[in-house]
Amino acid sequence: MKPLRIGTRGSALALWQARSIAASLRETGVETELVIIKTSGDKNQQSPFSQMGGKGVFIKELEDALLDLRVDLAVHSMKDVPTEMPAGLTLSAICRREDVRDALLSVSGATLESLPKAARVGTSSLRRQAQLLHARNDLRMLELRGNVDTRIEKLKRGDYDAIVLAKAGLDRIGLSAHITQVLPQEVSLPAAGQGAIGIESRAADTETLRVLAQLNHAETRCSVIAERAALAGLDGGCQVSIGAWARVENGKLTLDVAVLSPDGSKRISEKDSGAPEQAEAIGASIAKKLRERGAAALLARESRGTPA
């Protein structure tokens, strides 16, 4: 088999993820080469994600490269992947998930509970903003852009009192020593797909699909499918205040989903469980229940840009 061309962003975290996939493929006897592609999310480091169209800002150019036959597969953080995919492309593998939780980093060593009143907290995620405001409505939420190491440097130079990042990303690139507090899921439910690496390829490329299937992790895939089904049922993109966490325990899949108003003042949550094979149905069912309880109105406020 010819070497597979892996499309990836150029950030330290994206390259770590792409190289980990390359290493796994090498173990199966398949050689690879990395093709670095700059996405619109990488090019625009100033605008808030919520003003950039939200969906797919970190993957569209990678998908274009797949469709144009410039790469054979693309490696993504699953939390960045919209629930709607272009015709002709498919998620050929979702790899074993790492820690799903959010992490708080503060220079002073303060936890979420002990941050001073009106502390400045940086995050680019509407989901994190809403959940942190639900826990502490006095916090000042500030936009935070840049790669992981850039965000940490901004914290160190005093632009923020604390920032919140995905623990899995910090773990992967060796920066978890900066973590002050790992936030429990009761405080901050992760984004759908957080902590999981996804591999996208062309649906008609059967040889590549066969090779990539070896990297798929069944339990992680079921969990992520459930989360994405809930997100899709709520018509949510990557940048909405929806938290979703599914996991398989003792052979049963359990899914928690929460929808919040942008200012964190309102929170609606649902939980359900069932067989892993019912992952998509469980996610869709929870989305329906949340809509019936008023989630659509909260998300409509968000889409109109209601200030937090």
C-alpha atoms as a PDB file:
ATOM      1  CA  MET A   1       0.000   0.000   0.000  1.00  0.00           C
ATOM      2  CA  LYS A   2       1.291   3.474  -0.863  1.00  0.00           C
ATOM      3  CA  PRO A   3       2.022   5.904   2.012  1.00  0.00           C
ATOM      4  CA  LEU A   4      -1.124   7.621   3.279  1.00  0.00           C
ATOM      5  CA  ARG A   5      -1.148  11.418   3.304  1.00  0.00           C
ATOM      6  CA  ILE A   6      -2.438  12.730   6.645  1.00  0.00           C
ATOM      7  CA  GLY A   7      -4.006  16.176   6.612  1.00  0.00           C
ATOM      8  CA  THR A   8      -3.476  18.123   9.830  1.00  0.00           C
ATOM      9  CA  ARG A   9      -3.411  21.611  11.251  1.00  0.00           C
ATOM     10  CA  GLY A  10      -0.009  22.941  12.236  1.00  0.00           C
ATOM     11  CA  SER A  11      -0.513  23.585  15.959  1.00  0.00           C
ATOM     12  CA  ALA A  12       1.508  21.627  18.500  1.00  0.00           C
ATOM     13  CA  LEU A  13      -1.593  19.745  19.626  1.00  0.00           C
ATOM     14  CA  ALA A  14      -2.797  18.977  16.090  1.00  0.00           C
ATOM     15  CA  LEU A  15       0.664  17.725  15.110  1.00  0.00           C
ATOM     16  CA  TRP A  16       0.841  15.554  18.229  1.00  0.00           C
ATOM     17  CA  GLN A  17      -2.491  13.994  17.297  1.00  0.00           C
ATOM     18  CA  ALA A  18      -1.514  13.452  13.657  1.00  0.00           C
ATOM     19  CA  ARG A  19       1.820  11.904  14.639  1.00  0.00           C
ATOM     20  CA  SER A  20       0.088   9.576  17.094  1.00  0.00           C
ATOM     21  CA  ILE A  21      -2.125   8.343  14.244  1.00  0.00           C
ATOM     22  CA  ALA A  22       0.923   7.989  12.009  1.00  0.00           C
ATOM     23  CA  ALA A  23       2.634   5.898  14.694  1.00  0.00           C
ATOM     24  CA  SER A  24      -0.429   3.662  15.059  1.00  0.00           C
ATOM     25  CA  LEU A  25      -0.618   3.158  11.300  1.00  0.00           C
ATOM     26  CA  ARG A  26       3.093   2.356  11.177  1.00  0.00           C
ATOM     27  CA  GLU A  27       2.433  -0.463  13.638  1.00  0.00           C
ATOM     28  CA  THR A  28       0.015  -1.950  11.081  1.00  0.00           C
ATOM     29  CA  GLY A  29       2.689  -1.720   8.368  1.00  0.00           C
ATOM     30  CA  VAL A  30       1.367   1.420   6.691  1.00  0.00           C
ATOM     31  CA  GLU A  31       3.675   4.374   6.069  1.00  0.00           C
ATOM     32  CA  THR A  32       2.423   7.951   6.151  1.00  0.00           C
ATOM     33  CA  GLU A  33       3.365  11.549   5.443  1.00  0.00           C
ATOM     34  CA  LEU A  34       1.973  14.675   7.083  1.00  0.00           C
ATOM     35  CA  VAL A  35       0.423  17.470   5.033  1.00  0.00           C
ATOM     36  CA  ILE A  36      -0.020  20.658   7.090  1.00  0.00           C
ATOM     37  CA  ILE A  37      -3.047  22.760   6.169  1.00  0.00           C
ATOM     38  CA  LYS A  38      -3.965  26.115   7.690  1.00  0.00           C
ATOM     39  CA  THR A  39      -7.663  26.451   8.475  1.00  0.00           C
ATOM     40  CA  SER A  40      -9.792  29.587   8.760  1.00  0.00           C
ATOM     41  CA  GLY A  41      -9.777  29.120  12.541  1.00  0.00           C
ATOM     42  CA  ASP A  42      -5.970  29.250  12.465  1.00  0.00           C
ATOM     43  CA  LYS A  43      -5.805  32.264  10.139  1.00  0.00           C
ATOM     44  CA  ASN A  44      -8.216  34.407  12.156  1.00  0.00           C
ATOM     45  CA  GLN A  45      -6.842  34.654  15.698  1.00  0.00           C
ATOM     46  CA  GLN A  46      -8.795  37.765  16.681  1.00  0.00           C
ATOM     47  CA  SER A  47     -12.517  37.165  16.102  1.00  0.00           C
ATOM     48  CA  PRO A  48     -14.570  35.178  18.632  1.00  0.00           C
ATOM     49  CA  PHE A  49     -15.562  31.766  17.277  1.00  0.00           C
ATOM     50  CA  SER A  50     -19.219  32.720  17.710  1.00  0.00           C
ATOM     51  CA  GLN A  51     -18.701  35.446  15.086  1.00  0.00           C
ATOM     52  CA  MET A  52     -16.871  33.216  12.599  1.00  0.00           C
ATOM     53  CA  GLY A  53     -19.794  31.061  11.534  1.00  0.00           C
ATOM     54  CA  GLY A  54     -18.911  28.613  14.323  1.00  0.00           C
ATOM     55  CA  LYS A  55     -19.276  25.288  12.539  1.00  0.00           C
ATOM     56  CA  GLY A  56     -16.174  23.707  11.092  1.00  0.00           C
ATOM     57  CA  VAL A  57     -13.728  26.622  11.376  1.00  0.00           C
ATOM     58  CA  PHE A  58     -10.931  24.168  12.204  1.00  0.00           C
ATOM     59  CA  ILE A  59     -11.737  21.466   9.665  1.00  0.00           C
ATOM     60  CA  LYS A  60     -13.293  22.881   6.460  1.00  0.00           C
ATOM     61  CA  GLU A  61      -9.966  23.298   4.659  1.00  0.00           C
ATOM     62  CA  LEU A  62      -8.955  19.778   5.715  1.00  0.00           C
ATOM     63  CA  GLU A  63     -12.200  18.423   4.265  1.00  0.00           C
ATOM     64  CA  ASP A  64     -11.594  20.379   1.060  1.00  0.00           C
ATOM     65  CA  ALA A  65      -8.182  18.707   0.805  1.00  0.00           C
ATOM     66  CA  LEU A  66      -9.820  15.294   1.183  1.00  0.00           C
ATOM     67  CA  LEU A  67     -12.400  16.026  -1.495  1.00  0.00           C
ATOM     68  CA  ASP A  68      -9.685  17.407  -3.822  1.00  0.00           C
ATOM     69  CA  LEU A  69      -7.610  14.207  -3.315  1.00  0.00           C
ATOM     70  CA  ARG A  70      -4.705  16.175  -1.815  1.00  0.00           C
ATOM     71  CA  VAL A  71      -4.761  14.030   1.355  1.00  0.00           C
ATOM     72  CA  ASP A  72      -6.065  10.536   2.143  1.00  0.00           C
ATOM     73  CA  LEU A  73      -7.234  11.165   5.709  1.00  0.00           C
ATOM     74  CA  ALA A  74      -7.642  14.078   8.087  1.00  0.00           C
ATOM     75  CA  VAL A  75      -7.109  14.000  11.846  1.00  0.00           C
ATOM     76  CA  HIS A  76      -9.418  16.078  14.037  1.00  0.00           C
ATOM     77  CA  SER A  77     -10.259  16.754  17.650  1.00  0.00           C
ATOM     78  CA  MET A  78     -13.782  15.332  17.636  1.00  0.00           C
ATOM     79  CA  LYS A  79     -15.160  18.333  19.517  1.00  0.00           C
ATOM     80  CA  ASP A  80     -14.318  20.456  16.450  1.00  0.00           C
ATOM     81  CA  VAL A  81     -16.240  18.248  13.991  1.00  0.00           C
ATOM     82  CA  PRO A  82     -19.749  19.471  13.018  1.00  0.00           C
ATOM     83  CA  THR A  83     -22.555  16.911  13.168  1.00  0.00           C
ATOM     84  CA  GLU A  84     -23.241  17.431   9.452  1.00  0.00           C
ATOM     85  CA  MET A  85     -20.473  16.186   7.166  1.00  0.00           C
ATOM     86  CA  PRO A  86     -19.911  16.864   3.461  1.00  0.00           C
ATOM     87  CA  ALA A  87     -21.199  14.280   0.993  1.00  0.00           C
ATOM     88  CA  GLY A  88     -18.517  11.748   0.158  1.00  0.00           C
ATOM     89  CA  LEU A  89     -16.708  11.940   3.507  1.00  0.00           C
ATOM     90  CA  THR A  90     -17.057   9.730   6.570  1.00  0.00           C
ATOM     91  CA  LEU A  91     -15.670   9.288  10.069  1.00  0.00           C
ATOM     92  CA  SER A  92     -13.594   6.191   9.409  1.00  0.00           C
ATOM     93  CA  ALA A  93     -12.338   5.848  12.993  1.00  0.00           C
ATOM     94  CA  ILE A  94     -12.764   7.398  16.422  1.00  0.00           C
ATOM     95  CA  CYS A  95      -9.796   6.505  18.589  1.00  0.00           C
ATOM     96  CA  ARG A  96      -9.728   5.603  22.275  1.00  0.00           C
ATOM     97  CA  ARG A  97     -10.796   8.594  24.292  1.00  0.00           C
ATOM     98  CA  GLU A  98      -8.630  10.304  26.874  1.00  0.00           C
ATOM     99  CA  ASP A  99      -9.727  12.523  29.787  1.00  0.00           C
ATOM    100  CA  VAL A 100     -12.950  14.352  28.845  1.00  0.00           C
ATOM    101  CA  ARG A 101     -12.781  17.012  31.562  1.00  0.00           C
ATOM    102  CA  ASP A 102     -12.080  20.736  31.439  1.00  0.00           C
ATOM    103  CA  ALA A 103      -9.151  22.134  33.414  1.00  0.00           C
ATOM    104  CA  LEU A 104      -8.747  25.492  35.155  1.00  0.00           C
ATOM    105  CA  LEU A 105      -5.339  27.161  35.087  1.00  0.00           C
ATOM    106  CA  SER A 106      -4.561  30.124  37.349  1.00  0.00           C
ATOM    107  CA  VAL A 107      -1.260  31.850  38.094  1.00  0.00           C
ATOM    108  CA  SER A 108      -2.162  32.318  41.767  1.00  0.00           C
ATOM    109  CA  GLY A 109      -3.138  28.670  42.262  1.00  0.00           C
ATOM    110  CA  ALA A 110      -6.754  29.647  42.962  1.00  0.00           C
ATOM    111  CA  THR A 111      -9.509  27.144  42.205  1.00  0.00           C
ATOM    112  CA  LEU A 112     -12.837  28.094  40.655  1.00  0.00           C
ATOM    113  CA  GLU A 113     -14.307  28.470  44.125  1.00  0.00           C
ATOM    114  CA  SER A 114     -11.446  30.605  45.465  1.00  0.00           C
ATOM    115  CA  LEU A 115     -10.921  32.973  42.525  1.00  0.00           C
ATOM    116  CA  PRO A 116     -11.431  36.577  43.638  1.00  0.00           C
ATOM    117  CA  LYS A 117     -14.720  38.327  42.958  1.00  0.00           C
ATOM    118  CA  ALA A 118     -15.042  39.502  39.330  1.00  0.00           C
ATOM    119  CA  ALA A 119     -11.978  37.471  38.346  1.00  0.00           C
ATOM    120  CA  ARG A 120     -11.097  37.600  34.629  1.00  0.00           C
ATOM    121  CA  VAL A 121     -11.501  34.132  33.107  1.00  0.00           C
ATOM    122  CA  GLY A 122     -10.412  33.435  29.530  1.00  0.00           C
ATOM    123  CA  THR A 123     -12.072  30.899  27.244  1.00  0.00           C
ATOM    124  CA  SER A 124     -13.114  30.775  23.604  1.00  0.00           C
ATOM    125  CA  SER A 125     -15.982  28.380  24.376  1.00  0.00           C
ATOM    126  CA  LEU A 126     -19.559  29.574  24.900  1.00  0.00           C
ATOM    127  CA  ARG A 127     -20.219  26.241  26.632  1.00  0.00           C
ATOM    128  CA  ARG A 128     -17.492  26.864  29.196  1.00  0.00           C
ATOM    129  CA  GLN A 129     -18.515  30.497  29.661  1.00  0.00           C
ATOM    130  CA  ALA A 130     -22.134  29.584  30.429  1.00  0.00           C
ATOM    131  CA  GLN A 131     -21.242  26.756  32.813  1.00  0.00           C
ATOM    132  CA  LEU A 132     -18.684  28.804  34.724  1.00  0.00           C
ATOM    133  CA  LEU A 133     -21.157  31.675  35.037  1.00  0.00           C
ATOM    134  CA  HIS A 134     -23.741  29.199  36.297  1.00  0.00           C
ATOM    135  CA  ALA A 135     -21.303  28.283  39.073  1.00  0.00           C
ATOM    136  CA  ARG A 136     -19.985  31.843  39.650  1.00  0.00           C
ATOM    137  CA  ASN A 137     -22.111  34.618  38.160  1.00  0.00           C
ATOM    138  CA  ASP A 138     -19.652  37.290  39.293  1.00  0.00           C
ATOM    139  CA  LEU A 139     -16.884  36.153  36.949  1.00  0.00           C
ATOM    140  CA  ARG A 140     -15.784  38.326  34.013  1.00  0.00           C
ATOM    141  CA  MET A 141     -15.622  36.094  30.940  1.00  0.00           C
ATOM    142  CA  LEU A 142     -13.068  37.211  28.344  1.00  0.00           C
ATOM    143  CA  GLU A 143     -12.378  35.874  24.861  1.00  0.00           C
ATOM    144  CA  LEU A 144      -9.237  33.729  24.608  1.00  0.00           C
ATOM    145  CA  ARG A 145      -7.752  32.697  21.258  1.00  0.00           C
ATOM    146  CA  GLY A 146      -4.520  31.075  20.128  1.00  0.00           C
ATOM    147  CA  ASN A 147      -2.872  27.674  20.410  1.00  0.00           C
ATOM    148  CA  VAL A 148      -2.602  26.010  23.819  1.00  0.00           C
ATOM    149  CA  ASP A 149       0.916  27.278  24.551  1.00  0.00           C
ATOM    150  CA  THR A 150      -0.043  30.797  23.411  1.00  0.00           C
ATOM    151  CA  ARG A 151      -3.037  30.803  25.752  1.00  0.00           C
ATOM    152  CA  ILE A 152      -0.868  29.761  28.681  1.00  0.00           C
ATOM    153  CA  GLU A 153       1.605  32.570  27.903  1.00  0.00           C
ATOM    154  CA  LYS A 154      -1.273  35.082  27.918  1.00  0.00           C
ATOM    155  CA  LEU A 155      -2.246  33.809  31.372  1.00  0.00           C
ATOM    156  CA  LYS A 156       1.328  34.103  32.646  1.00  0.00           C
ATOM    157  CA  ARG A 157       1.693  37.696  31.479  1.00  0.00           C
ATOM    158  CA  GLY A 158      -1.405  38.712  33.420  1.00  0.00           C
ATOM    159  CA  ASP A 159      -4.059  39.089  30.717  1.00  0.00           C
ATOM    160  CA  TYR A 160      -6.345  36.788  32.735  1.00  0.00           C
ATOM    161  CA  ASP A 161      -6.721  35.610  36.319  1.00  0.00           C
ATOM    162  CA  ALA A 162      -7.537  32.116  35.047  1.00  0.00           C
ATOM    163  CA  ILE A 163      -8.163  30.270  31.791  1.00  0.00           C
ATOM    164  CA  VAL A 164      -9.983  27.022  31.006  1.00  0.00           C
ATOM    165  CA  LEU A 165      -8.709  24.413  28.543  1.00  0.00           C
ATOM    166  CA  ALA A 166      -9.394  20.763  27.720  1.00  0.00           C
ATOM    167  CA  LYS A 167      -7.367  18.493  29.998  1.00  0.00           C
ATOM    168  CA  ALA A 168      -6.747  15.956  27.219  1.00  0.00           C
ATOM    169  CA  GLY A 169      -4.945  18.527  25.085  1.00  0.00           C
ATOM    170  CA  LEU A 170      -2.726  19.604  27.966  1.00  0.00           C
ATOM    171  CA  ASP A 171      -1.922  15.976  28.765  1.00  0.00           C
ATOM    172  CA  ARG A 172      -1.040  15.183  25.161  1.00  0.00           C
ATOM    173  CA  ILE A 173       1.537  17.940  24.729  1.00  0.00           C
ATOM    174  CA  GLY A 174       3.034  17.708  28.204  1.00  0.00           C
ATOM    175  CA  LEU A 175       1.558  20.865  29.731  1.00  0.00           C
ATOM    176  CA  SER A 176      -0.677  19.339  32.399  1.00  0.00           C
ATOM    177  CA  ALA A 177       1.661  20.605  35.152  1.00  0.00           C
ATOM    178  CA  HIS A 178       0.036  24.010  34.607  1.00  0.00           C
ATOM    179  CA  ILE A 179      -3.381  22.702  35.712  1.00  0.00           C
ATOM    180  CA  THR A 180      -4.642  24.209  38.954  1.00  0.00           C
ATOM    181  CA  GLN A 181      -7.949  22.334  39.126  1.00  0.00           C
ATOM    182  CA  VAL A 182      -9.633  19.664  37.042  1.00  0.00           C
ATOM    183  CA  LEU A 183     -13.274  20.709  36.872  1.00  0.00           C
ATOM    184  CA  PRO A 184     -15.784  17.974  37.737  1.00  0.00           C
ATOM    185  CA  GLN A 185     -18.447  17.150  35.158  1.00  0.00           C
ATOM    186  CA  GLU A 186     -21.073  18.396  37.598  1.00  0.00           C
ATOM    187  CA  VAL A 187     -19.609  21.879  37.127  1.00  0.00           C
ATOM    188  CA  SER A 188     -18.513  21.732  33.493  1.00  0.00           C
ATOM    189  CA  LEU A 189     -19.861  19.055  31.176  1.00  0.00           C
ATOM    190  CA  PRO A 190     -17.460  18.586  28.250  1.00  0.00           C
ATOM    191  CA  ALA A 191     -18.191  19.356  24.630  1.00  0.00           C
ATOM    192  CA  ALA A 192     -19.535  16.532  22.491  1.00  0.00           C
ATOM    193  CA  GLY A 193     -16.527  14.482  21.406  1.00  0.00           C
ATOM    194  CA  GLN A 194     -14.060  16.162  23.800  1.00  0.00           C
ATOM    195  CA  GLY A 195     -10.972  14.063  24.480  1.00  0.00           C
ATOM    196  CA  ALA A 196     -11.407  11.886  21.372  1.00  0.00           C
ATOM    197  CA  ILE A 197      -9.429  11.973  18.120  1.00  0.00           C
ATOM    198  CA  GLY A 198     -11.418  11.381  14.948  1.00  0.00           C
ATOM    199  CA  ILE A 199     -10.170  10.318  11.519  1.00  0.00           C
ATOM    200  CA  GLU A 200     -12.071  11.460   8.436  1.00  0.00           C
ATOM    201  CA  SER A 201     -11.607   9.995   4.968  1.00  0.00           C
ATOM    202  CA  ARG A 202     -13.376   9.542   1.665  1.00  0.00           C
ATOM    203  CA  ALA A 203     -16.327   7.147   1.896  1.00  0.00           C
ATOM    204  CA  ALA A 204     -15.420   5.524  -1.436  1.00  0.00           C
ATOM    205  CA  ASP A 205     -11.773   4.867  -0.502  1.00  0.00           C
ATOM    206  CA  THR A 206     -12.320   1.294   0.655  1.00  0.00           C
ATOM    207  CA  GLU A 207      -8.636   0.422   1.039  1.00  0.00           C
ATOM    208  CA  THR A 208      -7.998   3.362   3.395  1.00  0.00           C
ATOM    209  CA  LEU A 209     -11.236   2.651   5.267  1.00  0.00           C
ATOM    210  CA  ARG A 210     -10.106  -0.941   5.851  1.00  0.00           C
ATOM    211  CA  VAL A 211      -6.783   0.202   7.302  1.00  0.00           C
ATOM    212  CA  LEU A 212      -8.284   2.931   9.489  1.00  0.00           C
ATOM    213  CA  ALA A 213     -10.931   0.600  10.920  1.00  0.00           C
ATOM    214  CA  GLN A 214      -8.127  -0.986  12.964  1.00  0.00           C
ATOM    215  CA  LEU A 215      -7.738   2.280  14.908  1.00  0.00           C
ATOM    216  CA  ASN A 216     -11.415   2.548  15.860  1.00  0.00           C
ATOM    217  CA  HIS A 217     -12.325   2.145  19.550  1.00  0.00           C
ATOM    218  CA  ALA A 218     -15.850   0.769  19.825  1.00  0.00           C
ATOM    219  CA  GLU A 219     -16.791   2.154  23.258  1.00  0.00           C
ATOM    220  CA  THR A 220     -15.478   5.617  22.439  1.00  0.00           C
ATOM    221  CA  ARG A 221     -17.309   5.607  19.122  1.00  0.00           C
ATOM    222  CA  CYS A 222     -20.622   4.719  20.805  1.00  0.00           C
ATOM    223  CA  SER A 223     -20.117   7.464  23.384  1.00  0.00           C
ATOM    224  CA  VAL A 224     -19.279  10.102  20.796  1.00  0.00           C
ATOM    225  CA  ILE A 225     -22.169   9.023  18.548  1.00  0.00           C
ATOM    226  CA  ALA A 226     -24.583   9.514  21.456  1.00  0.00           C
ATOM    227  CA  GLU A 227     -23.183  12.960  22.238  1.00  0.00           C
ATOM    228  CA  ARG A 228     -23.261  14.055  18.608  1.00  0.00           C
ATOM    229  CA  ALA A 229     -26.811  12.757  18.182  1.00  0.00           C
ATOM    230  CA  ALA A 230     -27.909  14.935  21.106  1.00  0.00           C
ATOM    231  CA  LEU A 231     -26.073  17.906  19.617  1.00  0.00           C
ATOM    232  CA  ALA A 232     -27.666  17.325  16.222  1.00  0.00           C
ATOM    233  CA  GLY A 233     -31.112  16.954  17.793  1.00  0.00           C
ATOM    234  CA  LEU A 234     -30.653  20.326  19.436  1.00  0.00           C
ATOM    235  CA  ASP A 235     -29.391  21.786  16.155  1.00  0.00           C
ATOM    236  CA  GLY A 236     -26.196  22.731  17.937  1.00  0.00           C
ATOM    237  CA  GLY A 237     -22.833  23.389  16.355  1.00  0.00           C
ATOM    238  CA  CYS A 238     -19.371  23.315  17.888  1.00  0.00           C
ATOM    239  CA  GLN A 239     -19.887  26.748  19.463  1.00  0.00           C
ATOM    240  CA  VAL A 240     -23.016  26.516  21.602  1.00  0.00           C
ATOM    241  CA  SER A 241     -23.579  26.233  25.341  1.00  0.00           C
ATOM    242  CA  ILE A 242     -24.377  22.527  25.250  1.00  0.00           C
ATOM    243  CA  GLY A 243     -22.419  20.049  27.367  1.00  0.00           C
ATOM    244  CA  ALA A 244     -22.614  16.321  26.640  1.00  0.00           C
ATOM    245  CA  TRP A 245     -20.866  13.383  28.270  1.00  0.00           C
ATOM    246  CA  ALA A 246     -21.473   9.739  27.402  1.00  0.00           C
ATOM    247  CA  ARG A 247     -19.564   6.743  28.746  1.00  0.00           C
ATOM    248  CA  VAL A 248     -19.880   2.970  28.728  1.00  0.00           C
ATOM    249  CA  GLU A 249     -19.825   1.463  32.222  1.00  0.00           C
ATOM    250  CA  ASN A 250     -20.523  -2.193  32.975  1.00  0.00           C
ATOM    251  CA  GLY A 251     -21.785  -2.686  29.441  1.00  0.00           C
ATOM    252  CA  LYS A 252     -24.312   0.170  29.626  1.00  0.00           C
ATOM    253  CA  LEU A 253     -24.059   3.545  27.908  1.00  0.00           C
ATOM    254  CA  THR A 254     -25.035   6.585  30.011  1.00  0.00           C
ATOM    255  CA  LEU A 255     -25.435  10.073  28.557  1.00  0.00           C
ATOM    256  CA  ASP A 256     -25.689  13.411  30.397  1.00  0.00           C
ATOM    257  CA  VAL A 257     -26.602  16.543  28.439  1.00  0.00           C
ATOM    258  CA  ALA A 258     -27.048  20.122  29.678  1.00  0.00           C
ATOM    259  CA  VAL A 259     -28.180  23.249  27.829  1.00  0.00           C
ATOM    260  CA  LEU A 260     -27.552  26.673  29.348  1.00  0.00           C
ATOM    261  CA  SER A 261     -28.486  30.243  28.627  1.00  0.00           C
ATOM    262  CA  PRO A 262     -25.506  32.359  27.507  1.00  0.00           C
ATOM    263  CA  ASP A 263     -25.320  34.121  30.881  1.00  0.00           C
ATOM    264  CA  GLY A 264     -25.478  30.834  32.799  1.00  0.00           C
ATOM    265  CA  SER A 265     -28.621  31.833  34.691  1.00  0.00           C
ATOM    266  CA  LYS A 266     -30.698  28.974  33.275  1.00  0.00           C
ATOM    267  CA  ARG A 267     -29.655  25.347  32.974  1.00  0.00           C
ATOM    268  CA  ILE A 268     -31.713  22.409  31.698  1.00  0.00           C
ATOM    269  CA  SER A 269     -30.292  18.882  31.911  1.00  0.00           C
ATOM    270  CA  GLU A 270     -31.310  15.329  31.080  1.00  0.00           C
ATOM    271  CA  LYS A 271     -29.770  11.908  31.633  1.00  0.00           C
ATOM    272  CA  ASP A 272     -30.549   8.539  30.046  1.00  0.00           C
ATOM    273  CA  SER A 273     -28.919   5.167  29.516  1.00  0.00           C
ATOM    274  CA  GLY A 274     -29.248   2.017  27.467  1.00  0.00           C
ATOM    275  CA  ALA A 275     -27.346  -0.448  25.313  1.00  0.00           C
ATOM    276  CA  PRO A 276     -24.295   0.984  23.498  1.00  0.00           C
ATOM    277  CA  GLU A 277     -25.888  -0.093  20.213  1.00  0.00           C
ATOM    278  CA  GLN A 278     -28.683   2.391  20.918  1.00  0.00           C
ATOM    279  CA  ALA A 279     -26.268   5.328  21.179  1.00  0.00           C
ATOM    280  CA  GLU A 280     -27.830   7.429  18.434  1.00  0.00           C
ATOM    281  CA  ALA A 281     -31.368   6.822  19.688  1.00  0.00           C
ATOM    282  CA  ILE A 282     -30.379   7.730  23.262  1.00  0.00           C
ATOM    283  CA  GLY A 283     -28.882  11.010  22.093  1.00  0.00           C
ATOM    284  CA  ALA A 284     -31.901  11.849  19.944  1.00  0.00           C
ATOM    285  CA  SER A 285     -34.298  11.012  22.790  1.00  0.00           C
ATOM    286  CA  ILE A 286     -32.494  13.304  25.232  1.00  0.00           C
ATOM    287  CA  ALA A 287     -32.472  16.121  22.678  1.00  0.00           C
ATOM    288  CA  LYS A 288     -36.246  15.735  22.235  1.00  0.00           C
ATOM    289  CA  LYS A 289     -36.824  15.889  26.000  1.00  0.00           C
ATOM    290  CA  LEU A 290     -34.627  18.976  26.334  1.00  0.00           C
ATOM    291  CA  ARG A 291     -36.467  20.720  23.518  1.00  0.00           C
ATOM    292  CA  GLU A 292     -39.788  19.956  25.197  1.00  0.00           C
ATOM    293  CA  ARG A 293     -38.427  21.561  28.385  1.00  0.00           C
ATOM    294  CA  GLY A 294     -37.427  24.790  26.655  1.00  0.00           C
ATOM    295  CA  ALA A 295     -33.892  24.190  25.408  1.00  0.00           C
ATOM    296  CA  ALA A 296     -34.725  25.563  21.975  1.00  0.00           C
ATOM    297  CA  ALA A 297     -35.580  28.950  23.480  1.00  0.00           C
ATOM    298  CA  LEU A 298     -32.235  29.107  25.308  1.00  0.00           C
ATOM    299  CA  LEU A 299     -30.333  28.274  22.125  1.00  0.00           C
ATOM    300  CA  ALA A 300     -32.382  30.799  20.122  1.00  0.00           C
ATOM    301  CA  ARG A 301     -31.311  33.511  22.577  1.00  0.00           C
ATOM    302  CA  GLU A 302     -27.755  32.420  22.011  1.00  0.00           C
ATOM    303  CA  SER A 303     -27.966  32.531  18.217  1.00  0.00           C
ATOM    304  CA  ARG A 304     -29.286  36.089  18.408  1.00  0.00           C
ATOM    305  CA  GLY A 305     -26.157  37.061  20.304  1.00  0.00           C
ATOM    306  CA  THR A 306     -27.734  37.679  23.690  1.00  0.00           C
ATOM    307  CA  PRO A 307     -24.849  39.049  25.762  1.00  0.00           C
ATOM    308  CA  ALA A 308     -23.471  36.909  28.573  1.00  0.00           C
END
